[in-house]
Amino acid sequence: MATKTMNVGMIGYKFMGKAHSNAYRQVARFFPELQVVPVMKALCGRDEAGVKKAADTFGWESYETDWRKLIARPDIDIIDIGAPGNMHAEIAIAAAQAGKHVFCEKPLGNSAEEAKRMLDAAVAAGVYHMIWFNYRANPAVSYAKKLITDGYLGKIYHWRALFLQDWIVDPQFPLVWRLQKEVAGSGSHGDLLAHCLDTARYLVGEIAEVSGLLETFIKQRPELAESDDRLGGKASDTMGEVTVDDASLALARFENGALGTFEATRFALGRKNHNRFEINGSKGSVVFNAERPNELEIYTEDTLAGTHGFRTVSVTSGQDRYTGHYWPTAHNIGYEHTFTDLLFDAFTAMGEGKNPSPNFHDGYLNNVLLDTIAHSAETKRWEAVTL
């Protein structure tokens, strides 16, 4: 079967733009069996000098400074959205209506209502759609999924998830866009807890009801004098209001009866990217920590008598559909590979005429959960998850 190419136009070139660019460059090299291969056709950003430099650095053929012009180009097949959250819905809907396939960073929308409109537009247009929940494509998470599906953990009783960072603990850290609700939608809630919620749905199942708590520890910060990215920038002498949460917590009851706890914060001093979950079942347990991405801790009751305890298992030995494509056994892979792996899944599905997974449906359900937890934090009551 002949290989088909699809031209990608990507919007946004900073943190996620780097990760996506690397994935597009590498996916066909490490997964040569792909029948659909991306071409890095155009990169889009508002600052012409910045986007031109990024396009040259990352290997994009051209650049644009207006996303509308990018969507209008007849040589673009896929629009990849890595812009701030307040732009997701407008761009995705316009792209779908123009007949472009759409990939989008998480959270899909800044609200469930936005996400639903994005999903409806993609479905109505009949285009492929994908959301970048990249942790699903970590080999350890993929292997945990297999253990659960094959019944090695038995009936699932508990899910515990943490996503801890510390990059805004300093009260003088400036008011970047991620701390402004009108742009980001939420703080640690949508930025970090969104990943925990998606991974929970992927591994354990749908969530029936939640109880939430959101907190903003530092309510005013210096406004930016220059630069606006995750690393911060130069602070001004003017103070501005922080309008998003600094920490998000939730209790959950899954439809299958399992209980869940979730915590996300940017105020866990010493934690840089501590994305961790533990699953306890009737036959065994698994533990994953993204700071140790090549390992999965596994406990099962069939261990040798007197040696009960978790075993740390290397997941770079080809147990999944990804790692065998990279380095020899036990040669580690990292964060960047999860994006490449997710593109492998997406383009494999598209080559088979199927929609990628995770997709805008998963993104919409994620936004519903985020909104329901936030609503529970306001009502101080358990809230049912309803579509």
Protein backbone atom coordinates (compact mmCIF):
# COMPACT_ATOMS: atom_id res chain seq x y z
CA MET A 1 0.00 0.00 0.00
CA ALA A 2 1.35 3.42 -0.97
CA THR A 3 2.15 5.89 1.79
CA LYS A 4 -0.10 8.96 1.95
CA THR A 5 1.14 12.31 3.20
CA MET A 6 -0.85 14.89 5.14
CA ASN A 7 0.32 18.49 5.41
CA VAL A 8 0.24 19.93 8.92
CA GLY A 9 -0.29 23.55 9.88
CA MET A 10 0.48 24.13 13.56
CA ILE A 11 -0.59 27.13 15.62
CA GLY A 12 1.71 27.94 18.57
CA TYR A 13 5.45 27.39 18.81
CA LYS A 14 6.57 27.63 22.43
CA PHE A 15 6.35 24.84 25.05
CA MET A 16 3.84 22.56 23.32
CA GLY A 17 4.99 23.72 19.92
CA LYS A 18 8.43 22.27 20.61
CA ALA A 19 6.98 18.95 21.77
CA HIS A 20 4.62 18.65 18.81
CA SER A 21 7.28 19.68 16.29
CA ASN A 22 9.67 17.03 17.55
CA ALA A 23 6.92 14.40 17.32
CA TYR A 24 6.06 15.30 13.73
CA ARG A 25 9.74 15.14 12.79
CA GLN A 26 10.29 11.74 14.38
CA VAL A 27 7.12 9.69 14.03
CA ALA A 28 7.66 8.31 10.51
CA ARG A 29 11.34 7.67 11.21
CA PHE A 30 10.70 5.44 14.21
CA PHE A 31 7.42 4.01 12.91
CA PRO A 32 8.17 3.40 9.21
CA GLU A 33 5.14 1.12 8.87
CA LEU A 34 2.81 4.14 8.93
CA GLN A 35 0.59 4.48 5.88
CA VAL A 36 -0.19 8.13 6.65
CA VAL A 37 2.83 10.37 7.21
CA PRO A 38 2.80 14.04 8.32
CA VAL A 39 4.56 16.82 6.43
CA MET A 40 5.56 19.87 8.47
CA LYS A 41 4.12 22.41 6.07
CA ALA A 42 3.53 25.60 8.07
CA LEU A 43 3.97 27.04 11.58
CA CYS A 44 1.81 29.92 12.82
CA GLY A 45 2.39 32.53 15.50
CA ARG A 46 1.60 36.20 16.05
CA ASP A 47 5.20 37.42 16.38
CA GLU A 48 6.77 37.20 12.92
CA ALA A 49 10.39 37.19 14.10
CA GLY A 50 9.63 34.55 16.72
CA VAL A 51 7.62 32.23 14.50
CA LYS A 52 10.10 32.51 11.62
CA LYS A 53 12.95 31.55 13.94
CA ALA A 54 10.93 28.65 15.37
CA ALA A 55 9.97 27.41 11.89
CA ASP A 56 13.63 27.39 10.85
CA THR A 57 14.72 25.73 14.09
CA PHE A 58 12.10 22.98 14.17
CA GLY A 59 12.02 22.25 10.43
CA TRP A 60 8.73 23.73 9.20
CA GLU A 61 8.63 24.59 5.51
CA SER A 62 6.88 27.95 5.94
CA TYR A 63 5.20 30.18 8.47
CA GLU A 64 2.13 32.38 8.91
CA THR A 65 1.24 35.12 11.39
CA ASP A 66 -2.55 34.81 10.99
CA TRP A 67 -4.25 31.51 11.81
CA ARG A 68 -7.12 32.36 9.47
CA LYS A 69 -4.71 32.49 6.54
CA LEU A 70 -3.26 29.16 7.64
CA ILE A 71 -6.68 27.52 7.63
CA ALA A 72 -7.48 29.02 4.23
CA ARG A 73 -4.39 27.52 2.60
CA PRO A 74 -5.35 24.70 0.21
CA ASP A 75 -2.09 22.87 0.92
CA ILE A 76 -2.97 22.30 4.61
CA ASP A 77 -4.74 19.07 5.62
CA ILE A 78 -4.40 19.13 9.43
CA ILE A 79 -4.61 22.05 11.83
CA ASP A 80 -2.80 21.45 15.13
CA ILE A 81 -3.81 23.90 17.88
CA GLY A 82 -1.25 24.69 20.57
CA ALA A 83 -2.47 28.22 21.28
CA PRO A 84 -3.84 29.34 24.68
CA GLY A 85 -7.19 27.89 25.71
CA ASN A 86 -9.32 30.92 24.86
CA MET A 87 -8.47 30.40 21.17
CA HIS A 88 -9.17 26.66 20.91
CA ALA A 89 -12.88 26.77 20.10
CA GLU A 90 -12.77 29.50 17.46
CA ILE A 91 -9.83 27.97 15.63
CA ALA A 92 -11.05 24.36 15.83
CA ILE A 93 -14.55 25.18 14.61
CA ALA A 94 -13.24 27.28 11.73
CA ALA A 95 -10.76 24.57 10.76
CA ALA A 96 -13.39 21.83 10.81
CA GLN A 97 -15.80 23.93 8.76
CA ALA A 98 -12.99 24.42 6.23
CA GLY A 99 -12.64 20.63 5.96
CA LYS A 100 -9.37 20.39 7.88
CA HIS A 101 -8.64 17.58 10.31
CA VAL A 102 -8.04 19.04 13.79
CA PHE A 103 -5.60 18.12 16.55
CA CYS A 104 -5.83 20.18 19.74
CA GLU A 105 -4.00 20.59 23.03
CA LYS A 106 -5.82 20.00 26.30
CA PRO A 107 -8.08 21.02 27.85
CA LEU A 108 -10.14 20.97 24.68
CA GLY A 109 -12.16 24.07 25.59
CA ASN A 110 -12.21 26.56 28.42
CA SER A 111 -15.63 25.11 29.28
CA ALA A 112 -17.71 22.05 28.48
CA GLU A 113 -19.96 24.22 26.32
CA GLU A 114 -16.98 25.26 24.16
CA ALA A 115 -15.74 21.67 23.94
CA LYS A 116 -19.17 20.44 22.86
CA ARG A 117 -19.29 22.99 20.05
CA MET A 118 -15.84 21.86 18.92
CA LEU A 119 -16.88 18.21 18.96
CA ASP A 120 -20.13 18.93 17.11
CA ALA A 121 -18.29 20.93 14.43
CA ALA A 122 -15.75 18.16 13.83
CA VAL A 123 -18.46 15.48 13.65
CA ALA A 124 -20.65 17.58 11.34
CA ALA A 125 -17.70 18.21 9.01
CA GLY A 126 -16.69 14.54 8.99
CA VAL A 127 -13.05 15.36 9.77
CA TYR A 128 -10.61 13.45 11.97
CA HIS A 129 -10.03 14.94 15.41
CA MET A 130 -7.53 14.20 18.17
CA ILE A 131 -6.63 15.69 21.58
CA TRP A 132 -3.08 15.63 22.95
CA PHE A 133 -3.53 13.60 26.12
CA ASN A 134 0.02 12.36 25.67
CA TYR A 135 0.32 10.44 28.96
CA ARG A 136 -1.96 7.75 27.53
CA ALA A 137 0.89 6.96 25.16
CA ASN A 138 3.52 6.41 27.84
CA PRO A 139 4.59 2.74 27.67
CA ALA A 140 4.06 2.30 31.42
CA VAL A 141 0.49 3.60 31.19
CA SER A 142 -0.11 1.44 28.13
CA TYR A 143 1.13 -1.61 30.04
CA ALA A 144 -1.01 -0.74 33.07
CA LYS A 145 -4.00 -0.66 30.71
CA LYS A 146 -3.14 -4.14 29.47
CA LEU A 147 -2.81 -5.50 33.02
CA ILE A 148 -6.24 -4.13 33.90
CA THR A 149 -7.89 -5.30 30.68
CA ASP A 150 -6.42 -8.79 31.06
CA GLY A 151 -7.76 -9.03 34.62
CA TYR A 152 -4.47 -9.15 36.53
CA LEU A 153 -5.65 -6.49 39.01
CA GLY A 154 -9.13 -7.94 39.43
CA LYS A 155 -11.96 -5.65 40.47
CA ILE A 156 -10.72 -2.08 40.81
CA TYR A 157 -11.38 -0.49 44.20
CA HIS A 158 -9.19 2.64 44.34
CA TRP A 159 -7.69 5.26 42.04
CA ARG A 160 -5.31 7.88 43.49
CA ALA A 161 -3.76 10.58 41.36
CA LEU A 162 -1.36 13.45 42.02
CA PHE A 163 0.02 16.04 39.63
CA LEU A 164 2.37 18.29 41.57
CA GLN A 165 4.52 21.19 40.38
CA ASP A 166 6.13 24.19 42.07
CA TRP A 167 6.90 26.74 39.36
CA ILE A 168 4.74 29.60 40.74
CA VAL A 169 5.45 29.29 44.49
CA ASP A 170 7.39 32.59 44.44
CA PRO A 171 4.85 35.42 45.02
CA GLN A 172 6.92 37.61 42.67
CA PHE A 173 6.48 35.22 39.76
CA PRO A 174 4.70 37.40 37.19
CA LEU A 175 1.12 37.21 35.98
CA VAL A 176 1.60 35.05 32.86
CA TRP A 177 -1.37 34.05 30.71
CA ARG A 178 -1.75 30.73 32.50
CA LEU A 179 -2.81 32.68 35.61
CA GLN A 180 -5.60 34.55 33.83
CA LYS A 181 -9.01 32.88 33.62
CA GLU A 182 -10.10 34.77 30.50
CA VAL A 183 -7.18 33.18 28.61
CA ALA A 184 -6.40 29.87 30.33
CA GLY A 185 -9.86 29.01 31.61
CA SER A 186 -8.46 27.67 34.89
CA GLY A 187 -5.15 27.06 36.63
CA SER A 188 -3.82 23.76 37.92
CA HIS A 189 -7.36 22.43 37.46
CA GLY A 190 -7.37 22.46 33.65
CA ASP A 191 -3.63 22.39 33.14
CA LEU A 192 -2.77 19.44 35.41
CA LEU A 193 -5.89 17.77 36.80
CA ALA A 194 -7.18 17.39 33.23
CA HIS A 195 -4.41 14.83 32.59
CA CYS A 196 -5.27 12.92 35.78
CA LEU A 197 -8.95 12.81 34.86
CA ASP A 198 -8.26 11.55 31.35
CA THR A 199 -5.87 8.86 32.55
CA ALA A 200 -8.46 7.78 35.14
CA ARG A 201 -11.14 7.44 32.48
CA TYR A 202 -8.73 5.55 30.21
CA LEU A 203 -7.67 3.05 32.87
CA VAL A 204 -10.57 2.74 35.33
CA GLY A 205 -13.70 3.96 33.55
CA GLU A 206 -16.29 6.72 33.59
CA ILE A 207 -16.88 8.85 36.68
CA ALA A 208 -20.40 9.15 38.10
CA GLU A 209 -20.09 11.89 40.75
CA VAL A 210 -17.51 14.24 42.20
CA SER A 211 -16.80 16.56 45.11
CA GLY A 212 -14.29 19.34 44.49
CA LEU A 213 -12.17 21.99 46.16
CA LEU A 214 -10.27 24.82 44.44
CA GLU A 215 -7.92 27.30 46.11
CA THR A 216 -5.91 30.35 45.05
CA PHE A 217 -3.08 30.94 47.51
CA ILE A 218 -1.57 34.09 46.00
CA LYS A 219 -4.31 36.39 44.74
CA GLN A 220 -2.17 39.19 43.31
CA ARG A 221 1.06 39.09 41.31
CA PRO A 222 3.23 41.54 39.40
CA GLU A 223 2.02 42.07 35.86
CA LEU A 224 4.36 41.20 33.03
CA ALA A 225 6.68 43.84 31.65
CA GLU A 226 7.87 41.58 28.86
CA SER A 227 7.80 37.95 27.74
CA ASP A 228 4.92 35.58 28.40
CA ASP A 229 5.69 31.92 28.58
CA ARG A 230 5.75 29.26 31.24
CA LEU A 231 9.23 30.28 32.39
CA GLY A 232 7.90 33.69 33.27
CA GLY A 233 9.49 36.96 32.27
CA LYS A 234 10.31 40.38 33.61
CA ALA A 235 7.86 41.57 36.24
CA SER A 236 6.52 45.13 36.31
CA ASP A 237 5.79 47.30 39.34
CA THR A 238 2.04 47.00 38.76
CA MET A 239 0.06 44.29 40.53
CA GLY A 240 -2.71 42.30 38.89
CA GLU A 241 -5.36 39.83 40.02
CA VAL A 242 -4.78 36.08 39.76
CA THR A 243 -8.11 34.74 38.49
CA VAL A 244 -7.42 30.99 38.37
CA ASP A 245 -6.88 28.30 40.97
CA ASP A 246 -3.44 27.41 42.34
CA ALA A 247 -4.61 24.00 43.61
CA SER A 248 -7.41 21.60 42.72
CA LEU A 249 -8.64 18.57 44.65
CA ALA A 250 -11.48 16.14 44.00
CA LEU A 251 -13.10 13.00 45.32
CA ALA A 252 -14.83 10.78 42.81
CA ARG A 253 -17.02 7.72 42.54
CA PHE A 254 -16.64 5.76 39.32
CA GLU A 255 -19.58 4.13 37.58
CA ASN A 256 -18.06 0.70 38.34
CA GLY A 257 -17.99 1.49 42.08
CA ALA A 258 -14.30 2.37 42.42
CA LEU A 259 -13.36 5.37 44.53
CA GLY A 260 -11.00 8.07 43.31
CA THR A 261 -8.91 10.89 44.73
CA PHE A 262 -7.31 13.62 42.64
CA GLU A 263 -4.91 16.42 43.54
CA ALA A 264 -3.20 18.98 41.33
CA THR A 265 -1.15 21.97 42.45
CA ARG A 266 1.58 24.33 41.36
CA PHE A 267 2.56 24.89 45.01
CA ALA A 268 4.26 21.61 45.93
CA LEU A 269 7.75 22.91 46.55
CA GLY A 270 10.35 20.48 45.28
CA ARG A 271 7.98 18.76 42.83
CA LYS A 272 8.70 19.61 39.20
CA ASN A 273 6.41 17.29 37.23
CA HIS A 274 5.17 14.72 39.74
CA ASN A 275 2.35 13.08 37.78
CA ARG A 276 1.63 9.91 39.76
CA PHE A 277 -1.21 7.45 40.07
CA GLU A 278 -1.90 4.29 42.07
CA ILE A 279 -4.60 1.73 41.29
CA ASN A 280 -5.64 -0.92 43.83
CA GLY A 281 -7.68 -3.94 42.80
CA SER A 282 -8.84 -7.20 44.31
CA LYS A 283 -5.86 -9.10 42.84
CA GLY A 284 -3.14 -6.50 42.58
CA SER A 285 -1.99 -2.89 42.36
CA VAL A 286 0.05 -0.69 40.03
CA VAL A 287 1.88 2.60 40.61
CA PHE A 288 3.17 5.04 37.97
CA ASN A 289 5.25 8.19 38.40
CA ALA A 290 5.99 10.33 35.33
CA GLU A 291 9.27 11.42 36.92
CA ARG A 292 10.33 7.75 36.54
CA PRO A 293 8.68 7.19 33.15
CA ASN A 294 10.40 3.92 32.28
CA GLU A 295 9.08 2.07 35.33
CA LEU A 296 5.85 0.62 36.60
CA GLU A 297 5.48 -0.65 40.16
CA ILE A 298 3.39 -3.84 40.26
CA TYR A 299 2.05 -5.87 43.16
CA THR A 300 0.17 -9.15 42.76
CA GLU A 301 -0.77 -11.74 45.35
CA ASP A 302 0.95 -14.57 43.44
CA THR A 303 4.46 -13.50 44.49
CA LEU A 304 6.78 -15.92 46.27
CA ALA A 305 5.71 -16.50 49.90
CA GLY A 306 7.50 -14.15 52.28
CA THR A 307 8.47 -11.67 49.54
CA HIS A 308 5.30 -9.63 49.31
CA GLY A 309 5.85 -6.11 48.07
CA PHE A 310 5.86 -4.02 44.94
CA ARG A 311 8.16 -5.01 42.09
CA THR A 312 9.65 -2.26 39.94
CA VAL A 313 9.34 -3.39 36.34
CA SER A 314 11.14 -1.86 33.37
CA VAL A 315 8.65 -1.00 30.64
CA THR A 316 11.25 -0.45 27.92
CA SER A 317 11.46 -4.12 27.03
CA GLY A 318 8.83 -4.11 24.31
CA GLN A 319 5.79 -5.01 26.44
CA ASP A 320 3.78 -2.34 24.59
CA ARG A 321 3.31 -1.19 21.00
CA TYR A 322 5.80 1.68 21.26
CA THR A 323 9.17 1.00 22.88
CA GLY A 324 10.35 -1.66 20.47
CA HIS A 325 10.55 1.05 17.82
CA TYR A 326 13.14 3.11 19.68
CA TRP A 327 16.21 1.80 21.49
CA PRO A 328 17.34 -1.69 22.59
CA THR A 329 15.85 -3.26 25.73
CA ALA A 330 16.23 -1.16 28.91
CA HIS A 331 17.54 1.91 27.05
CA ASN A 332 15.33 4.61 28.45
CA ILE A 333 12.83 6.80 26.67
CA GLY A 334 11.38 10.10 27.93
CA TYR A 335 8.61 12.69 27.93
CA GLU A 336 9.07 13.63 24.28
CA HIS A 337 8.41 10.07 23.13
CA THR A 338 4.84 10.18 24.44
CA PHE A 339 3.97 12.80 21.81
CA THR A 340 5.57 10.73 19.06
CA ASP A 341 3.72 7.65 20.29
CA LEU A 342 0.40 9.50 20.29
CA LEU A 343 0.98 10.59 16.68
CA PHE A 344 1.76 6.98 15.80
CA ASP A 345 -1.63 5.96 17.19
CA ALA A 346 -3.37 8.86 15.44
CA PHE A 347 -1.88 8.29 12.00
CA THR A 348 -2.30 4.52 12.30
CA ALA A 349 -6.02 5.05 12.94
CA MET A 350 -6.33 7.55 10.09
CA GLY A 351 -4.58 5.12 7.75
CA GLU A 352 -7.30 2.60 8.62
CA GLY A 353 -10.04 5.15 8.02
CA LYS A 354 -10.78 5.47 11.75
CA ASN A 355 -10.87 8.48 14.02
CA PRO A 356 -7.89 8.77 16.40
CA SER A 357 -8.19 8.12 20.12
CA PRO A 358 -8.17 10.10 22.37
CA ASN A 359 -10.30 12.54 20.43
CA PHE A 360 -12.69 15.47 20.88
CA HIS A 361 -15.26 13.18 22.52
CA ASP A 362 -12.70 12.44 25.25
CA GLY A 363 -11.88 16.14 25.42
CA TYR A 364 -15.55 17.04 25.87
CA LEU A 365 -16.03 14.47 28.65
CA ASN A 366 -12.88 15.83 30.30
CA ASN A 367 -14.27 19.35 30.20
CA VAL A 368 -17.55 18.11 31.69
CA LEU A 369 -15.61 16.63 34.60
CA LEU A 370 -13.58 19.82 35.08
CA ASP A 371 -16.72 21.96 35.08
CA THR A 372 -18.56 19.61 37.45
CA ILE A 373 -15.68 19.61 39.95
CA ALA A 374 -15.49 23.41 39.78
CA HIS A 375 -19.26 23.64 40.31
CA SER A 376 -18.99 21.29 43.30
CA ALA A 377 -16.31 23.55 44.77
CA GLU A 378 -18.82 26.39 44.63
CA THR A 379 -21.83 24.47 45.99
CA LYS A 380 -19.75 22.52 48.52
CA ARG A 381 -21.79 19.44 47.63
CA TRP A 382 -21.34 16.20 45.71
CA GLU A 383 -22.39 16.74 42.08
CA ALA A 384 -23.47 14.14 39.53
CA VAL A 385 -21.58 14.09 36.25
CA THR A 386 -24.16 14.74 33.53
CA LEU A 387 -23.75 15.41 29.82
